[in-house]
Amino acid sequence: MAKKQVLGVFKTADNAVMAVDRLHESGFTNRDWQVLTGSPYPEGAFGEWMPKHRLYAFPFFGAIVGFTVAILVTAGTSVANPLVTGGKPIIAIPAMAVIVYEGTMLGAILMTIIGVIFESRLPRPVMGLYDTRITEGYIGIDLNCPDDRVNTAEMVMRQSGAVDVKHQK
């Protein structure tokens, strides 16, 4: 069954919370909707589903890859082009330490940037419904619901004090 988007725009947070409660009573789960707001509300203030992020894994993976590549490049270069100077070892740890450190940091930083982009779900080629009043302090509840429940969702939002309700055609 196809899903459609319904966007309810509320003037106050109390009306938005009332709409969320009524949506739960109507059989929608907190995975079906998300809150859109330009104001800084604490996470979970409206009872929305909090997706688990894995941003912490990206820098660790990048650091391991950067460390490995730096070791291979420095050791490989030293072995491929040996410069014997006064009996010193060809693969010298103190000389490699700076390059390995920089490679580790570079890998961690690059993977952190990629992780932030990935966890932010960017780029987002198709934007859903949106109302410009949300940036002016209104609160939007963006609901994904089956085709046959669009009228129910719209009625619940209007009864909860929605200023405007939009849905996909």
N, C-alpha and C. Protein backbone atom coordinates (compact mmCIF):
# COMPACT_ATOMS: atom_id res chain seq x y z
N MET A 1 0.84 -1.17 0.00
CA MET A 1 0.00 0.00 0.00
C MET A 1 0.90 1.24 0.00
N ALA A 2 0.54 2.20 -0.82
CA ALA A 2 1.34 3.42 -0.95
C ALA A 2 1.15 4.32 0.27
N LYS A 3 2.20 5.05 0.56
CA LYS A 3 2.15 5.98 1.69
C LYS A 3 2.12 7.41 1.16
N LYS A 4 1.43 8.26 1.89
CA LYS A 4 1.37 9.68 1.55
C LYS A 4 1.79 10.48 2.76
N GLN A 5 2.21 11.69 2.49
CA GLN A 5 2.65 12.60 3.54
C GLN A 5 1.53 13.55 3.91
N VAL A 6 1.37 13.76 5.22
CA VAL A 6 0.42 14.75 5.72
C VAL A 6 1.21 15.67 6.64
N LEU A 7 1.11 16.97 6.42
CA LEU A 7 1.84 17.95 7.23
C LEU A 7 0.83 18.83 7.96
N GLY A 8 0.87 18.77 9.29
CA GLY A 8 0.05 19.65 10.10
C GLY A 8 0.92 20.76 10.67
N VAL A 9 0.46 22.00 10.58
CA VAL A 9 1.20 23.16 11.08
C VAL A 9 0.47 23.69 12.31
N PHE A 10 1.20 23.78 13.44
CA PHE A 10 0.61 24.18 14.71
C PHE A 10 1.28 25.44 15.22
N LYS A 11 0.49 26.30 15.85
CA LYS A 11 1.03 27.56 16.36
C LYS A 11 1.75 27.37 17.70
N THR A 12 1.23 26.45 18.53
CA THR A 12 1.83 26.25 19.86
C THR A 12 2.28 24.80 20.02
N ALA A 13 3.21 24.63 20.94
CA ALA A 13 3.71 23.29 21.24
C ALA A 13 2.63 22.44 21.91
N ASP A 14 1.74 23.06 22.68
CA ASP A 14 0.67 22.31 23.34
C ASP A 14 -0.24 21.64 22.31
N ASN A 15 -0.58 22.37 21.26
CA ASN A 15 -1.42 21.80 20.21
C ASN A 15 -0.69 20.66 19.49
N ALA A 16 0.60 20.82 19.28
CA ALA A 16 1.37 19.78 18.61
C ALA A 16 1.43 18.52 19.48
N VAL A 17 1.61 18.69 20.79
CA VAL A 17 1.64 17.54 21.70
C VAL A 17 0.27 16.86 21.72
N MET A 18 -0.79 17.65 21.72
CA MET A 18 -2.14 17.10 21.69
C MET A 18 -2.34 16.29 20.40
N ALA A 19 -1.85 16.80 19.28
CA ALA A 19 -1.96 16.08 18.01
C ALA A 19 -1.19 14.77 18.06
N VAL A 20 -0.01 14.80 18.66
CA VAL A 20 0.79 13.58 18.76
C VAL A 20 0.05 12.54 19.61
N ASP A 21 -0.53 12.97 20.72
CA ASP A 21 -1.28 12.04 21.57
C ASP A 21 -2.46 11.45 20.82
N ARG A 22 -3.16 12.29 20.08
CA ARG A 22 -4.32 11.80 19.32
C ARG A 22 -3.90 10.89 18.17
N LEU A 23 -2.74 11.16 17.59
CA LEU A 23 -2.25 10.27 16.54
C LEU A 23 -1.93 8.89 17.12
N HIS A 24 -1.36 8.86 18.33
CA HIS A 24 -1.10 7.57 18.99
C HIS A 24 -2.41 6.84 19.25
N GLU A 25 -3.42 7.57 19.69
CA GLU A 25 -4.73 6.96 19.95
C GLU A 25 -5.37 6.44 18.67
N SER A 26 -5.06 7.08 17.56
CA SER A 26 -5.64 6.67 16.26
C SER A 26 -4.89 5.51 15.63
N GLY A 27 -3.84 5.04 16.28
CA GLY A 27 -3.13 3.87 15.77
C GLY A 27 -1.84 4.15 15.04
N PHE A 28 -1.40 5.38 15.00
CA PHE A 28 -0.11 5.70 14.38
C PHE A 28 0.99 5.52 15.42
N THR A 29 2.15 5.10 14.96
CA THR A 29 3.28 4.94 15.88
C THR A 29 4.21 6.14 15.74
N ASN A 30 5.14 6.27 16.69
CA ASN A 30 6.05 7.41 16.63
C ASN A 30 7.08 7.27 15.51
N ARG A 31 7.13 6.15 14.82
CA ARG A 31 7.99 6.01 13.64
C ARG A 31 7.32 6.54 12.39
N ASP A 32 6.02 6.81 12.48
CA ASP A 32 5.27 7.29 11.31
C ASP A 32 5.39 8.79 11.11
N TRP A 33 5.81 9.52 12.11
CA TRP A 33 5.84 10.97 11.99
C TRP A 33 7.13 11.54 12.58
N GLN A 34 7.39 12.80 12.20
CA GLN A 34 8.53 13.53 12.76
C GLN A 34 8.11 14.99 12.98
N VAL A 35 8.78 15.63 13.91
CA VAL A 35 8.47 17.02 14.25
C VAL A 35 9.43 17.93 13.50
N LEU A 36 8.88 18.95 12.87
CA LEU A 36 9.68 19.95 12.16
C LEU A 36 9.50 21.27 12.91
N THR A 37 10.60 21.82 13.38
CA THR A 37 10.53 23.07 14.12
C THR A 37 11.81 23.87 13.94
N GLY A 38 11.66 25.17 13.96
CA GLY A 38 12.83 26.04 13.89
C GLY A 38 13.28 26.47 15.28
N SER A 39 12.52 26.09 16.30
CA SER A 39 12.85 26.45 17.68
C SER A 39 13.59 25.30 18.35
N PRO A 40 14.46 25.61 19.29
CA PRO A 40 15.25 24.56 19.94
C PRO A 40 14.48 23.85 21.06
N TYR A 41 13.80 22.79 20.74
CA TYR A 41 13.15 21.94 21.74
C TYR A 41 14.08 20.78 22.04
N PRO A 42 14.07 20.28 23.28
CA PRO A 42 14.91 19.12 23.60
C PRO A 42 14.50 17.90 22.77
N GLU A 43 15.46 17.04 22.50
CA GLU A 43 15.16 15.83 21.74
C GLU A 43 14.16 14.99 22.50
N GLY A 44 13.15 14.52 21.82
CA GLY A 44 12.14 13.68 22.43
C GLY A 44 11.05 14.46 23.15
N ALA A 45 11.03 15.78 23.05
CA ALA A 45 10.04 16.59 23.76
C ALA A 45 8.63 16.29 23.28
N PHE A 46 8.48 15.89 22.05
CA PHE A 46 7.17 15.60 21.50
C PHE A 46 6.90 14.10 21.43
N GLY A 47 7.79 13.30 21.99
CA GLY A 47 7.62 11.86 21.96
C GLY A 47 8.00 11.23 20.63
N GLU A 48 8.77 11.95 19.84
CA GLU A 48 9.15 11.42 18.53
C GLU A 48 10.19 10.31 18.67
N TRP A 49 10.26 9.49 17.65
CA TRP A 49 11.21 8.39 17.63
C TRP A 49 12.61 8.94 17.41
N MET A 50 13.54 8.48 18.22
CA MET A 50 14.91 8.95 18.11
C MET A 50 15.74 7.89 17.39
N PRO A 51 16.14 8.15 16.15
CA PRO A 51 16.95 7.16 15.44
C PRO A 51 18.33 7.03 16.08
N LYS A 52 18.85 5.81 16.08
CA LYS A 52 20.18 5.59 16.64
C LYS A 52 21.23 5.97 15.60
N HIS A 53 22.18 6.74 16.03
CA HIS A 53 23.24 7.13 15.10
C HIS A 53 24.48 6.29 15.36
N ARG A 54 25.29 6.19 14.36
CA ARG A 54 26.55 5.44 14.47
C ARG A 54 27.72 6.33 14.03
N LEU A 55 27.62 7.60 14.37
CA LEU A 55 28.66 8.53 13.97
C LEU A 55 30.01 8.19 14.61
N TYR A 56 29.97 7.62 15.79
CA TYR A 56 31.21 7.29 16.50
C TYR A 56 32.06 6.25 15.76
N ALA A 57 31.46 5.45 14.91
CA ALA A 57 32.20 4.40 14.21
C ALA A 57 33.04 4.95 13.06
N PHE A 58 32.60 6.04 12.47
CA PHE A 58 33.30 6.58 11.30
C PHE A 58 34.73 7.03 11.63
N PRO A 59 34.96 7.82 12.70
CA PRO A 59 36.35 8.22 12.98
C PRO A 59 37.26 7.05 13.33
N PHE A 60 36.72 6.05 14.03
CA PHE A 60 37.55 4.88 14.36
C PHE A 60 37.97 4.14 13.10
N PHE A 61 37.03 3.93 12.20
CA PHE A 61 37.35 3.26 10.95
C PHE A 61 38.36 4.08 10.14
N GLY A 62 38.13 5.39 10.07
CA GLY A 62 39.06 6.26 9.33
C GLY A 62 40.45 6.26 9.93
N ALA A 63 40.54 6.25 11.26
CA ALA A 63 41.84 6.24 11.93
C ALA A 63 42.59 4.93 11.64
N ILE A 64 41.87 3.83 11.66
CA ILE A 64 42.52 2.53 11.37
C ILE A 64 43.01 2.49 9.93
N VAL A 65 42.18 2.96 9.01
CA VAL A 65 42.59 2.97 7.59
C VAL A 65 43.76 3.94 7.39
N GLY A 66 43.69 5.14 7.99
CA GLY A 66 44.78 6.11 7.86
C GLY A 66 46.08 5.60 8.44
N PHE A 67 46.00 4.94 9.59
CA PHE A 67 47.19 4.36 10.22
C PHE A 67 47.81 3.30 9.32
N THR A 68 46.96 2.41 8.80
CA THR A 68 47.45 1.32 7.94
C THR A 68 48.08 1.86 6.66
N VAL A 69 47.41 2.82 6.03
CA VAL A 69 47.96 3.38 4.79
C VAL A 69 49.27 4.12 5.06
N ALA A 70 49.34 4.86 6.17
CA ALA A 70 50.57 5.59 6.50
C ALA A 70 51.73 4.63 6.76
N ILE A 71 51.47 3.54 7.47
CA ILE A 71 52.52 2.54 7.71
C ILE A 71 52.98 1.94 6.39
N LEU A 72 52.03 1.56 5.54
CA LEU A 72 52.39 0.94 4.26
C LEU A 72 53.16 1.91 3.36
N VAL A 73 52.75 3.17 3.33
CA VAL A 73 53.43 4.14 2.48
C VAL A 73 54.85 4.42 2.98
N THR A 74 55.00 4.67 4.28
CA THR A 74 56.34 4.99 4.79
C THR A 74 57.27 3.79 4.75
N ALA A 75 56.78 2.63 5.17
CA ALA A 75 57.63 1.44 5.14
C ALA A 75 57.91 1.02 3.70
N GLY A 76 56.88 1.11 2.85
CA GLY A 76 57.07 0.74 1.45
C GLY A 76 58.06 1.64 0.74
N THR A 77 57.99 2.94 1.03
CA THR A 77 58.93 3.88 0.41
C THR A 77 60.35 3.62 0.91
N SER A 78 60.48 3.35 2.19
CA SER A 78 61.82 3.08 2.74
C SER A 78 62.43 1.81 2.17
N VAL A 79 61.60 0.79 1.98
CA VAL A 79 62.11 -0.47 1.45
C VAL A 79 62.37 -0.36 -0.06
N ALA A 80 61.50 0.35 -0.77
CA ALA A 80 61.66 0.48 -2.23
C ALA A 80 62.86 1.34 -2.60
N ASN A 81 63.15 2.36 -1.80
CA ASN A 81 64.29 3.25 -2.06
C ASN A 81 65.16 3.33 -0.80
N PRO A 82 65.93 2.29 -0.54
CA PRO A 82 66.72 2.28 0.71
C PRO A 82 67.85 3.31 0.67
N LEU A 83 67.89 4.14 1.72
CA LEU A 83 68.98 5.08 1.89
C LEU A 83 69.73 4.69 3.17
N VAL A 84 70.83 4.02 2.99
CA VAL A 84 71.60 3.57 4.13
C VAL A 84 72.52 4.72 4.54
N THR A 85 72.32 5.21 5.78
CA THR A 85 73.15 6.31 6.28
C THR A 85 73.76 5.92 7.60
N GLY A 86 75.02 5.69 7.61
CA GLY A 86 75.78 5.45 8.82
C GLY A 86 75.31 4.26 9.64
N GLY A 87 74.81 3.23 9.01
CA GLY A 87 74.43 2.03 9.73
C GLY A 87 73.07 2.12 10.41
N LYS A 88 72.32 3.16 10.16
CA LYS A 88 70.98 3.28 10.76
C LYS A 88 70.03 2.33 10.03
N PRO A 89 68.93 1.92 10.70
CA PRO A 89 68.00 0.99 10.05
C PRO A 89 67.26 1.67 8.89
N ILE A 90 66.90 0.88 7.91
CA ILE A 90 66.18 1.43 6.74
C ILE A 90 64.77 1.87 7.14
N ILE A 91 64.09 1.06 7.93
CA ILE A 91 62.76 1.43 8.44
C ILE A 91 62.96 1.97 9.85
N ALA A 92 62.94 3.29 9.98
CA ALA A 92 63.20 3.93 11.28
C ALA A 92 61.88 4.40 11.88
N ILE A 93 61.56 3.88 13.04
CA ILE A 93 60.30 4.22 13.71
C ILE A 93 60.19 5.72 14.01
N PRO A 94 61.20 6.38 14.57
CA PRO A 94 61.04 7.81 14.86
C PRO A 94 60.75 8.65 13.61
N ALA A 95 61.33 8.29 12.50
CA ALA A 95 61.08 9.05 11.27
C ALA A 95 59.68 8.78 10.74
N MET A 96 59.16 7.59 10.97
CA MET A 96 57.83 7.23 10.48
C MET A 96 56.73 7.75 11.40
N ALA A 97 57.05 8.02 12.66
CA ALA A 97 56.02 8.35 13.65
C ALA A 97 55.19 9.57 13.26
N VAL A 98 55.84 10.61 12.78
CA VAL A 98 55.13 11.84 12.43
C VAL A 98 54.18 11.59 11.27
N ILE A 99 54.64 10.89 10.25
CA ILE A 99 53.81 10.61 9.08
C ILE A 99 52.65 9.69 9.45
N VAL A 100 52.91 8.70 10.29
CA VAL A 100 51.84 7.79 10.72
C VAL A 100 50.80 8.55 11.54
N TYR A 101 51.26 9.43 12.42
CA TYR A 101 50.32 10.24 13.22
C TYR A 101 49.45 11.10 12.30
N GLU A 102 50.07 11.77 11.35
CA GLU A 102 49.32 12.63 10.44
C GLU A 102 48.36 11.82 9.57
N GLY A 103 48.77 10.66 9.12
CA GLY A 103 47.89 9.80 8.33
C GLY A 103 46.70 9.32 9.14
N THR A 104 46.94 8.98 10.40
CA THR A 104 45.85 8.55 11.28
C THR A 104 44.85 9.67 11.48
N MET A 105 45.35 10.87 11.76
CA MET A 105 44.45 12.01 11.96
C MET A 105 43.70 12.37 10.68
N LEU A 106 44.37 12.33 9.55
CA LEU A 106 43.72 12.64 8.28
C LEU A 106 42.60 11.66 7.99
N GLY A 107 42.85 10.38 8.20
CA GLY A 107 41.81 9.37 7.98
C GLY A 107 40.62 9.58 8.91
N ALA A 108 40.89 9.86 10.19
CA ALA A 108 39.81 10.07 11.15
C ALA A 108 38.99 11.31 10.80
N ILE A 109 39.64 12.38 10.43
CA ILE A 109 38.93 13.63 10.11
C ILE A 109 38.09 13.48 8.84
N LEU A 110 38.67 12.89 7.80
CA LEU A 110 37.91 12.71 6.56
C LEU A 110 36.71 11.81 6.77
N MET A 111 36.87 10.73 7.52
CA MET A 111 35.75 9.83 7.75
C MET A 111 34.71 10.46 8.68
N THR A 112 35.13 11.35 9.57
CA THR A 112 34.16 12.07 10.40
C THR A 112 33.28 12.96 9.54
N ILE A 113 33.88 13.66 8.59
CA ILE A 113 33.11 14.51 7.69
C ILE A 113 32.14 13.67 6.86
N ILE A 114 32.61 12.57 6.33
CA ILE A 114 31.74 11.67 5.56
C ILE A 114 30.63 11.12 6.46
N GLY A 115 30.96 10.79 7.71
CA GLY A 115 29.97 10.28 8.65
C GLY A 115 28.90 11.30 8.97
N VAL A 116 29.28 12.55 9.15
CA VAL A 116 28.29 13.61 9.43
C VAL A 116 27.35 13.77 8.25
N ILE A 117 27.88 13.76 7.04
CA ILE A 117 27.04 13.87 5.85
C ILE A 117 26.11 12.67 5.74
N PHE A 118 26.64 11.47 6.00
CA PHE A 118 25.84 10.26 5.91
C PHE A 118 24.75 10.22 6.99
N GLU A 119 25.10 10.54 8.23
CA GLU A 119 24.13 10.51 9.32
C GLU A 119 23.09 11.62 9.21
N SER A 120 23.42 12.69 8.51
CA SER A 120 22.46 13.79 8.30
C SER A 120 21.55 13.51 7.13
N ARG A 121 21.74 12.36 6.48
CA ARG A 121 20.95 11.95 5.32
C ARG A 121 21.03 13.00 4.20
N LEU A 122 22.24 13.43 3.94
CA LEU A 122 22.46 14.40 2.86
C LEU A 122 23.17 13.71 1.72
N PRO A 123 23.04 14.11 0.52
CA PRO A 123 22.07 15.06 0.02
C PRO A 123 20.69 14.42 -0.01
N ARG A 124 19.70 15.25 0.07
CA ARG A 124 18.32 14.77 0.07
C ARG A 124 17.67 15.24 -1.24
N PRO A 125 17.65 14.38 -2.25
CA PRO A 125 17.20 14.81 -3.57
C PRO A 125 15.71 15.16 -3.62
N VAL A 126 14.90 14.48 -2.83
CA VAL A 126 13.46 14.74 -2.86
C VAL A 126 13.03 15.26 -1.49
N MET A 127 12.63 16.51 -1.47
CA MET A 127 12.14 17.08 -0.22
C MET A 127 10.65 16.77 -0.09
N GLY A 128 10.23 16.57 1.12
CA GLY A 128 8.82 16.30 1.37
C GLY A 128 8.05 17.60 1.51
N LEU A 129 6.87 17.49 2.11
CA LEU A 129 6.06 18.67 2.35
C LEU A 129 6.74 19.59 3.35
N TYR A 130 6.58 20.88 3.15
CA TYR A 130 7.16 21.86 4.07
C TYR A 130 6.34 23.14 4.02
N ASP A 131 6.32 23.85 5.11
CA ASP A 131 5.63 25.14 5.19
C ASP A 131 6.63 26.16 5.72
N THR A 132 6.70 27.32 5.09
CA THR A 132 7.69 28.32 5.51
C THR A 132 7.39 28.90 6.89
N ARG A 133 6.17 28.73 7.38
CA ARG A 133 5.86 29.23 8.72
C ARG A 133 6.61 28.48 9.81
N ILE A 134 7.11 27.29 9.50
CA ILE A 134 7.88 26.52 10.48
C ILE A 134 9.13 27.27 10.88
N THR A 135 9.75 27.98 9.96
CA THR A 135 10.93 28.76 10.29
C THR A 135 10.59 30.02 11.09
N GLU A 136 9.32 30.37 11.13
CA GLU A 136 8.89 31.56 11.87
C GLU A 136 8.41 31.23 13.28
N GLY A 137 8.55 29.97 13.71
CA GLY A 137 8.18 29.60 15.07
C GLY A 137 7.04 28.61 15.18
N TYR A 138 6.39 28.30 14.08
CA TYR A 138 5.33 27.30 14.11
C TYR A 138 5.96 25.91 14.20
N ILE A 139 5.14 24.93 14.53
CA ILE A 139 5.62 23.55 14.66
C ILE A 139 4.89 22.70 13.63
N GLY A 140 5.65 21.90 12.90
CA GLY A 140 5.05 21.02 11.90
C GLY A 140 5.16 19.58 12.33
N ILE A 141 4.11 18.82 12.07
CA ILE A 141 4.15 17.37 12.29
C ILE A 141 3.98 16.74 10.91
N ASP A 142 5.03 16.06 10.49
CA ASP A 142 5.08 15.43 9.18
C ASP A 142 4.78 13.95 9.35
N LEU A 143 3.65 13.52 8.85
CA LEU A 143 3.17 12.15 9.07
C LEU A 143 3.17 11.39 7.76
N ASN A 144 3.74 10.19 7.76
CA ASN A 144 3.66 9.28 6.62
C ASN A 144 2.60 8.25 6.96
N CYS A 145 1.54 8.20 6.16
CA CYS A 145 0.46 7.28 6.46
C CYS A 145 -0.05 6.64 5.17
N PRO A 146 -0.72 5.49 5.30
CA PRO A 146 -1.28 4.84 4.11
C PRO A 146 -2.36 5.71 3.46
N ASP A 147 -2.60 5.45 2.19
CA ASP A 147 -3.59 6.23 1.44
C ASP A 147 -4.95 6.26 2.10
N ASP A 148 -5.37 5.13 2.65
CA ASP A 148 -6.71 5.05 3.21
C ASP A 148 -6.86 5.75 4.57
N ARG A 149 -5.74 6.21 5.15
CA ARG A 149 -5.81 6.86 6.46
C ARG A 149 -5.50 8.35 6.41
N VAL A 150 -5.37 8.91 5.20
CA VAL A 150 -5.05 10.33 5.05
C VAL A 150 -6.14 11.20 5.66
N ASN A 151 -7.40 10.86 5.39
CA ASN A 151 -8.51 11.66 5.93
C ASN A 151 -8.55 11.60 7.45
N THR A 152 -8.26 10.44 8.03
CA THR A 152 -8.23 10.30 9.48
C THR A 152 -7.13 11.17 10.07
N ALA A 153 -5.96 11.13 9.46
CA ALA A 153 -4.84 11.93 9.97
C ALA A 153 -5.13 13.42 9.86
N GLU A 154 -5.72 13.82 8.74
CA GLU A 154 -6.06 15.23 8.57
C GLU A 154 -7.09 15.68 9.60
N MET A 155 -8.09 14.84 9.86
CA MET A 155 -9.13 15.17 10.84
C MET A 155 -8.54 15.27 12.25
N VAL A 156 -7.65 14.35 12.60
CA VAL A 156 -7.01 14.38 13.93
C VAL A 156 -6.21 15.66 14.11
N MET A 157 -5.47 16.06 13.08
CA MET A 157 -4.66 17.27 13.20
C MET A 157 -5.52 18.52 13.28
N ARG A 158 -6.60 18.57 12.52
CA ARG A 158 -7.49 19.73 12.59
C ARG A 158 -8.18 19.81 13.95
N GLN A 159 -8.58 18.68 14.50
CA GLN A 159 -9.21 18.68 15.82
C GLN A 159 -8.23 19.07 16.92
N SER A 160 -6.96 18.88 16.68
CA SER A 160 -5.94 19.22 17.68
C SER A 160 -5.50 20.66 17.60
N GLY A 161 -6.06 21.43 16.68
CA GLY A 161 -5.74 22.86 16.59
C GLY A 161 -4.74 23.21 15.53
N ALA A 162 -4.64 22.42 14.48
CA ALA A 162 -3.72 22.74 13.40
C ALA A 162 -4.18 24.00 12.67
N VAL A 163 -3.25 24.89 12.42
CA VAL A 163 -3.53 26.10 11.66
C VAL A 163 -3.78 25.75 10.20
N ASP A 164 -3.01 24.79 9.70
CA ASP A 164 -3.14 24.36 8.32
C ASP A 164 -2.71 22.91 8.22
N VAL A 165 -3.34 22.17 7.33
CA VAL A 165 -2.99 20.77 7.07
C VAL A 165 -2.81 20.61 5.57
N LYS A 166 -1.65 20.08 5.19
CA LYS A 166 -1.36 19.83 3.78
C LYS A 166 -1.13 18.34 3.60
N HIS A 167 -1.45 17.83 2.43
CA HIS A 167 -1.12 16.45 2.11
C HIS A 167 -0.81 16.31 0.64
N GLN A 168 -0.08 15.23 0.33
CA GLN A 168 0.29 14.99 -1.05
C GLN A 168 -0.95 14.65 -1.85
N LYS A 169 -0.96 15.08 -3.06
CA LYS A 169 -2.09 14.78 -3.96
C LYS A 169 -1.98 13.41 -4.51
